[in-house]
PDB file of all heavy atoms in Angstrom:
ATOM      1  N   GLU A   1       1.174  61.292 -50.151  1.00  0.00           N
ATOM      2  CA  GLU A   1       0.626  60.760 -48.904  1.00  0.00           C
ATOM      3  C   GLU A   1       1.542  61.093 -47.730  1.00  0.00           C
ATOM      4  O   GLU A   1       2.770  61.053 -47.868  1.00  0.00           O
ATOM      5  CB  GLU A   1       0.478  59.216 -49.006  1.00  0.00           C
ATOM      6  CG  GLU A   1      -0.501  58.793 -50.055  1.00  0.00           C
ATOM      7  CD  GLU A   1      -1.945  59.166 -49.681  1.00  0.00           C
ATOM      8  OE1 GLU A   1      -2.302  59.084 -48.496  1.00  0.00           O
ATOM      9  OE2 GLU A   1      -2.702  59.550 -50.586  1.00  0.00           O
ATOM     10  N   ILE A   2       0.954  61.428 -46.603  1.00  0.00           N
ATOM     11  CA  ILE A   2       1.725  61.735 -45.393  1.00  0.00           C
ATOM     12  C   ILE A   2       1.257  60.815 -44.250  1.00  0.00           C
ATOM     13  O   ILE A   2       0.149  60.295 -44.270  1.00  0.00           O
ATOM     14  CB  ILE A   2       1.606  63.202 -44.970  1.00  0.00           C
ATOM     15  CG1 ILE A   2       0.142  63.582 -44.696  1.00  0.00           C
ATOM     16  CG2 ILE A   2       2.226  64.124 -46.016  1.00  0.00           C
ATOM     17  CD1 ILE A   2      -0.053  64.957 -44.092  1.00  0.00           C
ATOM     18  N   GLU A   3       2.162  60.679 -43.284  1.00  0.00           N
ATOM     19  CA  GLU A   3       1.796  59.976 -42.047  1.00  0.00           C
ATOM     20  C   GLU A   3       1.438  61.023 -41.013  1.00  0.00           C
ATOM     21  O   GLU A   3       2.202  61.985 -40.831  1.00  0.00           O
ATOM     22  CB  GLU A   3       3.009  59.215 -41.485  1.00  0.00           C
ATOM     23  CG  GLU A   3       3.271  57.878 -42.100  1.00  0.00           C
ATOM     24  CD  GLU A   3       4.463  57.260 -41.398  1.00  0.00           C
ATOM     25  OE1 GLU A   3       4.406  56.978 -40.179  1.00  0.00           O
ATOM     26  OE2 GLU A   3       5.464  57.072 -42.099  1.00  0.00           O
ATOM     27  N   VAL A   4       0.297  60.872 -40.365  1.00  0.00           N
ATOM     28  CA  VAL A   4      -0.048  61.803 -39.273  1.00  0.00           C
ATOM     29  C   VAL A   4       0.423  61.149 -37.972  1.00  0.00           C
ATOM     30  O   VAL A   4       0.080  59.998 -37.672  1.00  0.00           O
ATOM     31  CB  VAL A   4      -1.556  62.070 -39.251  1.00  0.00           C
ATOM     32  CG1 VAL A   4      -1.923  62.947 -38.076  1.00  0.00           C
ATOM     33  CG2 VAL A   4      -1.996  62.693 -40.583  1.00  0.00           C
ATOM     34  N   MET A   5       1.265  61.890 -37.259  1.00  0.00           N
ATOM     35  CA  MET A   5       1.858  61.371 -36.019  1.00  0.00           C
ATOM     36  C   MET A   5       1.527  62.359 -34.896  1.00  0.00           C
ATOM     37  O   MET A   5       2.292  63.273 -34.619  1.00  0.00           O
ATOM     38  CB  MET A   5       3.373  61.240 -36.174  1.00  0.00           C
ATOM     39  CG  MET A   5       3.760  60.355 -37.382  1.00  0.00           C
ATOM     40  SD  MET A   5       5.500  60.268 -37.756  1.00  0.00           S
ATOM     41  CE  MET A   5       5.986  61.976 -37.841  1.00  0.00           C
ATOM     42  N   GLY A   6       0.337  62.213 -34.313  1.00  0.00           N
ATOM     43  CA  GLY A   6      -0.138  63.175 -33.339  1.00  0.00           C
ATOM     44  C   GLY A   6      -0.417  64.487 -34.029  1.00  0.00           C
ATOM     45  O   GLY A   6      -1.176  64.568 -34.962  1.00  0.00           O
ATOM     46  N   ARG A   7       0.329  65.554 -33.611  1.00  0.00           N
ATOM     47  CA  ARG A   7       0.190  66.850 -34.271  1.00  0.00           C
ATOM     48  C   ARG A   7       1.214  67.096 -35.339  1.00  0.00           C
ATOM     49  O   ARG A   7       1.219  68.124 -36.001  1.00  0.00           O
ATOM     50  CB  ARG A   7       0.305  67.964 -33.232  1.00  0.00           C
ATOM     51  CG  ARG A   7      -0.869  67.953 -32.273  1.00  0.00           C
ATOM     52  CD  ARG A   7      -0.784  69.146 -31.360  1.00  0.00           C
ATOM     53  NE  ARG A   7      -2.097  69.350 -30.802  1.00  0.00           N
ATOM     54  CZ  ARG A   7      -2.488  70.447 -30.230  1.00  0.00           C
ATOM     55  NH1 ARG A   7      -1.627  71.450 -30.117  1.00  0.00           N
ATOM     56  NH2 ARG A   7      -3.688  70.559 -29.732  1.00  0.00           N
ATOM     57  N   ASP A   8       2.129  66.123 -35.523  1.00  0.00           N
ATOM     58  CA  ASP A   8       3.185  66.239 -36.526  1.00  0.00           C
ATOM     59  C   ASP A   8       2.858  65.370 -37.734  1.00  0.00           C
ATOM     60  O   ASP A   8       1.900  64.620 -37.716  1.00  0.00           O
ATOM     61  CB  ASP A   8       4.526  65.838 -35.893  1.00  0.00           C
ATOM     62  CG  ASP A   8       5.734  66.466 -36.590  1.00  0.00           C
ATOM     63  OD1 ASP A   8       5.572  67.138 -37.631  1.00  0.00           O
ATOM     64  OD2 ASP A   8       6.859  66.247 -36.105  1.00  0.00           O
ATOM     65  N   ILE A   9       3.660  65.476 -38.772  1.00  0.00           N
ATOM     66  CA  ILE A   9       3.508  64.646 -39.940  1.00  0.00           C
ATOM     67  C   ILE A   9       4.860  64.115 -40.374  1.00  0.00           C
ATOM     68  O   ILE A   9       5.916  64.652 -39.993  1.00  0.00           O
ATOM     69  CB  ILE A   9       2.861  65.410 -41.124  1.00  0.00           C
ATOM     70  CG1 ILE A   9       3.708  66.601 -41.572  1.00  0.00           C
ATOM     71  CG2 ILE A   9       1.428  65.829 -40.792  1.00  0.00           C
ATOM     72  CD1 ILE A   9       3.220  67.277 -42.853  1.00  0.00           C
ATOM     73  N   GLY A  10       4.849  63.041 -41.133  1.00  0.00           N
ATOM     74  CA  GLY A  10       6.078  62.457 -41.628  1.00  0.00           C
ATOM     75  C   GLY A  10       5.833  61.667 -42.892  1.00  0.00           C
ATOM     76  O   GLY A  10       4.719  61.695 -43.454  1.00  0.00           O
ATOM     77  N   GLY A  11       6.845  60.975 -43.319  1.00  0.00           N
ATOM     78  CA  GLY A  11       6.739  60.157 -44.529  1.00  0.00           C
ATOM     79  C   GLY A  11       7.577  60.720 -45.675  1.00  0.00           C
ATOM     80  O   GLY A  11       8.174  61.814 -45.566  1.00  0.00           O
ATOM     81  N   ILE A  12       7.633  59.971 -46.743  1.00  0.00           N
ATOM     82  CA  ILE A  12       8.463  60.328 -47.890  1.00  0.00           C
ATOM     83  C   ILE A  12       8.071  61.655 -48.471  1.00  0.00           C
ATOM     84  O   ILE A  12       8.922  62.450 -48.881  1.00  0.00           O
ATOM     85  CB  ILE A  12       8.381  59.223 -48.979  1.00  0.00           C
ATOM     86  CG1 ILE A  12       8.890  57.889 -48.438  1.00  0.00           C
ATOM     87  CG2 ILE A  12       9.121  59.624 -50.255  1.00  0.00           C
ATOM     88  CD1 ILE A  12      10.341  57.911 -48.049  1.00  0.00           C
ATOM     89  N   ALA A  13       6.782  61.966 -48.554  1.00  0.00           N
ATOM     90  CA  ALA A  13       6.331  63.229 -49.143  1.00  0.00           C
ATOM     91  C   ALA A  13       6.857  64.435 -48.345  1.00  0.00           C
ATOM     92  O   ALA A  13       7.214  65.457 -48.924  1.00  0.00           O
ATOM     93  CB  ALA A  13       4.803  63.275 -49.226  1.00  0.00           C
ATOM     94  N   VAL A  14       6.916  64.293 -47.029  1.00  0.00           N
ATOM     95  CA  VAL A  14       7.431  65.364 -46.172  1.00  0.00           C
ATOM     96  C   VAL A  14       8.943  65.543 -46.454  1.00  0.00           C
ATOM     97  O   VAL A  14       9.459  66.654 -46.599  1.00  0.00           O
ATOM     98  CB  VAL A  14       7.167  65.093 -44.682  1.00  0.00           C
ATOM     99  CG1 VAL A  14       7.782  66.160 -43.803  1.00  0.00           C
ATOM    100  CG2 VAL A  14       5.652  64.997 -44.435  1.00  0.00           C
ATOM    101  N   HIS A  15       9.679  64.442 -46.509  1.00  0.00           N
ATOM    102  CA  HIS A  15      11.106  64.517 -46.821  1.00  0.00           C
ATOM    103  C   HIS A  15      11.336  65.136 -48.175  1.00  0.00           C
ATOM    104  O   HIS A  15      12.249  65.956 -48.345  1.00  0.00           O
ATOM    105  CB  HIS A  15      11.743  63.111 -46.773  1.00  0.00           C
ATOM    106  CG  HIS A  15      11.769  62.537 -45.395  1.00  0.00           C
ATOM    107  ND1 HIS A  15      12.655  62.950 -44.419  1.00  0.00           N
ATOM    108  CD2 HIS A  15      10.993  61.569 -44.828  1.00  0.00           C
ATOM    109  CE1 HIS A  15      12.422  62.258 -43.313  1.00  0.00           C
ATOM    110  NE2 HIS A  15      11.445  61.412 -43.538  1.00  0.00           N
ATOM    111  N   ALA A  16      10.502  64.775 -49.172  1.00  0.00           N
ATOM    112  CA  ALA A  16      10.667  65.342 -50.512  1.00  0.00           C
ATOM    113  C   ALA A  16      10.433  66.860 -50.505  1.00  0.00           C
ATOM    114  O   ALA A  16      11.178  67.598 -51.133  1.00  0.00           O
ATOM    115  CB  ALA A  16       9.698  64.672 -51.492  1.00  0.00           C
ATOM    116  N   ALA A  17       9.429  67.303 -49.759  1.00  0.00           N
ATOM    117  CA  ALA A  17       9.148  68.750 -49.701  1.00  0.00           C
ATOM    118  C   ALA A  17      10.340  69.483 -49.065  1.00  0.00           C
ATOM    119  O   ALA A  17      10.704  70.577 -49.495  1.00  0.00           O
ATOM    120  CB  ALA A  17       7.864  69.020 -48.895  1.00  0.00           C
ATOM    121  N   ALA A  18      10.928  68.886 -48.029  1.00  0.00           N
ATOM    122  CA  ALA A  18      12.097  69.509 -47.400  1.00  0.00           C
ATOM    123  C   ALA A  18      13.261  69.603 -48.367  1.00  0.00           C
ATOM    124  O   ALA A  18      13.977  70.623 -48.393  1.00  0.00           O
ATOM    125  CB  ALA A  18      12.495  68.724 -46.160  1.00  0.00           C
ATOM    126  N   ARG A  19      13.457  68.584 -49.187  1.00  0.00           N
ATOM    127  CA  ARG A  19      14.570  68.585 -50.159  1.00  0.00           C
ATOM    128  C   ARG A  19      14.320  69.636 -51.263  1.00  0.00           C
ATOM    129  O   ARG A  19      15.241  70.295 -51.690  1.00  0.00           O
ATOM    130  CB  ARG A  19      14.725  67.208 -50.813  1.00  0.00           C
ATOM    131  CG  ARG A  19      15.079  66.089 -49.891  1.00  0.00           C
ATOM    132  CD  ARG A  19      16.388  66.315 -49.150  1.00  0.00           C
ATOM    133  NE  ARG A  19      16.663  65.290 -48.181  1.00  0.00           N
ATOM    134  CZ  ARG A  19      16.295  65.321 -46.889  1.00  0.00           C
ATOM    135  NH1 ARG A  19      15.634  66.340 -46.439  1.00  0.00           N
ATOM    136  NH2 ARG A  19      16.631  64.360 -46.068  1.00  0.00           N
ATOM    137  N   VAL A  20      13.065  69.786 -51.677  1.00  0.00           N
ATOM    138  CA  VAL A  20      12.730  70.800 -52.669  1.00  0.00           C
ATOM    139  C   VAL A  20      13.009  72.183 -52.087  1.00  0.00           C
ATOM    140  O   VAL A  20      13.635  73.030 -52.749  1.00  0.00           O
ATOM    141  CB  VAL A  20      11.253  70.689 -53.109  1.00  0.00           C
ATOM    142  CG1 VAL A  20      10.840  71.847 -53.983  1.00  0.00           C
ATOM    143  CG2 VAL A  20      11.035  69.368 -53.869  1.00  0.00           C
ATOM    144  N   MET A  21      12.618  72.422 -50.858  1.00  0.00           N
ATOM    145  CA  MET A  21      12.843  73.728 -50.244  1.00  0.00           C
ATOM    146  C   MET A  21      14.335  74.004 -50.130  1.00  0.00           C
ATOM    147  O   MET A  21      14.773  75.121 -50.403  1.00  0.00           O
ATOM    148  CB  MET A  21      12.221  73.821 -48.849  1.00  0.00           C
ATOM    149  CG  MET A  21      12.330  75.222 -48.288  1.00  0.00           C
ATOM    150  SD  MET A  21      12.665  75.319 -46.504  1.00  0.00           S
ATOM    151  CE  MET A  21      13.915  74.153 -46.181  1.00  0.00           C
ATOM    152  N   ALA A  22      15.123  73.006 -49.803  1.00  0.00           N
ATOM    153  CA  ALA A  22      16.557  73.184 -49.617  1.00  0.00           C
ATOM    154  C   ALA A  22      17.229  73.626 -50.935  1.00  0.00           C
ATOM    155  O   ALA A  22      18.280  74.274 -50.906  1.00  0.00           O
ATOM    156  CB  ALA A  22      17.180  71.887 -49.129  1.00  0.00           C
ATOM    157  N   LYS A  23      16.633  73.338 -52.060  1.00  0.00           N
ATOM    158  CA  LYS A  23      17.178  73.719 -53.350  1.00  0.00           C
ATOM    159  C   LYS A  23      16.696  75.086 -53.822  1.00  0.00           C
ATOM    160  O   LYS A  23      17.226  75.627 -54.804  1.00  0.00           O
ATOM    161  CB  LYS A  23      16.848  72.664 -54.396  1.00  0.00           C
ATOM    162  CG  LYS A  23      17.501  71.332 -54.092  1.00  0.00           C
ATOM    163  CD  LYS A  23      17.803  70.596 -55.355  1.00  0.00           C
ATOM    164  CE  LYS A  23      18.500  69.292 -55.075  1.00  0.00           C
ATOM    165  NZ  LYS A  23      19.937  69.443 -54.949  1.00  0.00           N
ATOM    166  N   SER A  24      15.702  75.657 -53.154  1.00  0.00           N
ATOM    167  CA  SER A  24      15.184  76.945 -53.593  1.00  0.00           C
ATOM    168  C   SER A  24      16.072  78.082 -53.091  1.00  0.00           C
ATOM    169  O   SER A  24      16.766  77.957 -52.110  1.00  0.00           O
ATOM    170  CB  SER A  24      13.745  77.146 -53.107  1.00  0.00           C
ATOM    171  OG  SER A  24      13.676  77.218 -51.720  1.00  0.00           O
ATOM    172  N   GLY A  25      15.999  79.177 -53.801  1.00  0.00           N
ATOM    173  CA  GLY A  25      16.766  80.366 -53.445  1.00  0.00           C
ATOM    174  C   GLY A  25      15.938  81.380 -52.702  1.00  0.00           C
ATOM    175  O   GLY A  25      14.741  81.160 -52.475  1.00  0.00           O
ATOM    176  N   ALA A  26      16.562  82.471 -52.335  1.00  0.00           N
ATOM    177  CA  ALA A  26      15.871  83.548 -51.629  1.00  0.00           C
ATOM    178  C   ALA A  26      14.683  84.049 -52.475  1.00  0.00           C
ATOM    179  O   ALA A  26      14.803  84.247 -53.679  1.00  0.00           O
ATOM    180  CB  ALA A  26      16.830  84.696 -51.359  1.00  0.00           C
ATOM    181  N   GLU A  27      13.553  84.191 -51.797  1.00  0.00           N
ATOM    182  CA  GLU A  27      12.317  84.653 -52.424  1.00  0.00           C
ATOM    183  C   GLU A  27      11.893  83.811 -53.614  1.00  0.00           C
ATOM    184  O   GLU A  27      11.238  84.257 -54.562  1.00  0.00           O
ATOM    185  CB  GLU A  27      12.440  86.135 -52.807  1.00  0.00           C
ATOM    186  CG  GLU A  27      12.723  87.025 -51.602  1.00  0.00           C
ATOM    187  CD  GLU A  27      12.943  88.456 -51.950  1.00  0.00           C
ATOM    188  OE1 GLU A  27      12.630  88.879 -53.084  1.00  0.00           O
ATOM    189  OE2 GLU A  27      13.465  89.174 -51.075  1.00  0.00           O
ATOM    190  N   GLU A  28      12.175  82.527 -53.515  1.00  0.00           N
ATOM    191  CA  GLU A  28      11.807  81.580 -54.583  1.00  0.00           C
ATOM    192  C   GLU A  28      10.874  80.516 -53.999  1.00  0.00           C
ATOM    193  O   GLU A  28      11.079  80.038 -52.906  1.00  0.00           O
ATOM    194  CB  GLU A  28      13.061  80.914 -55.138  1.00  0.00           C
ATOM    195  CG  GLU A  28      12.809  80.001 -56.289  1.00  0.00           C
ATOM    196  CD  GLU A  28      14.100  79.459 -56.892  1.00  0.00           C
ATOM    197  OE1 GLU A  28      14.971  79.027 -56.147  1.00  0.00           O
ATOM    198  OE2 GLU A  28      14.189  79.470 -58.126  1.00  0.00           O
ATOM    199  N   VAL A  29       9.844  80.199 -54.773  1.00  0.00           N
ATOM    200  CA  VAL A  29       8.964  79.094 -54.447  1.00  0.00           C
ATOM    201  C   VAL A  29       9.250  78.003 -55.453  1.00  0.00           C
ATOM    202  O   VAL A  29       8.981  78.160 -56.644  1.00  0.00           O
ATOM    203  CB  VAL A  29       7.476  79.502 -54.517  1.00  0.00           C
ATOM    204  CG1 VAL A  29       6.560  78.306 -54.309  1.00  0.00           C
ATOM    205  CG2 VAL A  29       7.175  80.606 -53.496  1.00  0.00           C
ATOM    206  N   LEU A  30       9.825  76.907 -54.966  1.00  0.00           N
ATOM    207  CA  LEU A  30      10.213  75.801 -55.837  1.00  0.00           C
ATOM    208  C   LEU A  30       9.236  74.648 -55.570  1.00  0.00           C
ATOM    209  O   LEU A  30       8.915  74.376 -54.399  1.00  0.00           O
ATOM    210  CB  LEU A  30      11.658  75.397 -55.522  1.00  0.00           C
ATOM    211  CG  LEU A  30      12.378  74.517 -56.540  1.00  0.00           C
ATOM    212  CD1 LEU A  30      12.495  75.222 -57.882  1.00  0.00           C
ATOM    213  CD2 LEU A  30      13.775  74.177 -55.999  1.00  0.00           C
ATOM    214  N   VAL A  31       8.799  74.005 -56.604  1.00  0.00           N
ATOM    215  CA  VAL A  31       7.844  72.900 -56.471  1.00  0.00           C
ATOM    216  C   VAL A  31       8.398  71.638 -57.147  1.00  0.00           C
ATOM    217  O   VAL A  31       9.202  71.749 -58.093  1.00  0.00           O
ATOM    218  CB  VAL A  31       6.446  73.261 -57.034  1.00  0.00           C
ATOM    219  CG1 VAL A  31       5.873  74.491 -56.337  1.00  0.00           C
ATOM    220  CG2 VAL A  31       6.485  73.447 -58.532  1.00  0.00           C
ATOM    221  N   SER A  32       7.951  70.511 -56.697  1.00  0.00           N
ATOM    222  CA  SER A  32       8.348  69.236 -57.304  1.00  0.00           C
ATOM    223  C   SER A  32       7.636  69.064 -58.658  1.00  0.00           C
ATOM    224  O   SER A  32       6.658  69.747 -58.961  1.00  0.00           O
ATOM    225  CB  SER A  32       8.030  68.078 -56.388  1.00  0.00           C
ATOM    226  OG  SER A  32       6.626  67.915 -56.262  1.00  0.00           O
ATOM    227  N   ARG A  33       8.119  68.127 -59.439  1.00  0.00           N
ATOM    228  CA  ARG A  33       7.507  67.857 -60.737  1.00  0.00           C
ATOM    229  C   ARG A  33       6.052  67.428 -60.565  1.00  0.00           C
ATOM    230  O   ARG A  33       5.194  67.820 -61.358  1.00  0.00           O
ATOM    231  CB  ARG A  33       8.289  66.725 -61.456  1.00  0.00           C
ATOM    232  CG  ARG A  33       7.746  66.434 -62.846  1.00  0.00           C
ATOM    233  CD  ARG A  33       8.548  65.360 -63.562  1.00  0.00           C
ATOM    234  NE  ARG A  33       9.963  65.543 -63.491  1.00  0.00           N
ATOM    235  CZ  ARG A  33      10.690  66.283 -64.327  1.00  0.00           C
ATOM    236  NH1 ARG A  33      10.109  66.927 -65.289  1.00  0.00           N
ATOM    237  NH2 ARG A  33      11.998  66.356 -64.197  1.00  0.00           N
ATOM    238  N   VAL A  34       5.738  66.659 -59.517  1.00  0.00           N
ATOM    239  CA  VAL A  34       4.372  66.224 -59.292  1.00  0.00           C
ATOM    240  C   VAL A  34       3.457  67.444 -59.084  1.00  0.00           C
ATOM    241  O   VAL A  34       2.358  67.523 -59.659  1.00  0.00           O
ATOM    242  CB  VAL A  34       4.278  65.300 -58.044  1.00  0.00           C
ATOM    243  CG1 VAL A  34       2.868  64.942 -57.724  1.00  0.00           C
ATOM    244  CG2 VAL A  34       5.136  64.057 -58.245  1.00  0.00           C
TER     245      VAL A  34
END
């Protein structure tokens, strides 16, 4: 679930996606367990 804030989004799911991306390497698509 995300929060819609005008044209932006927020919430725990957005933070989780950012953390997953931060752990990925070059040319890597990393996904959460969910």
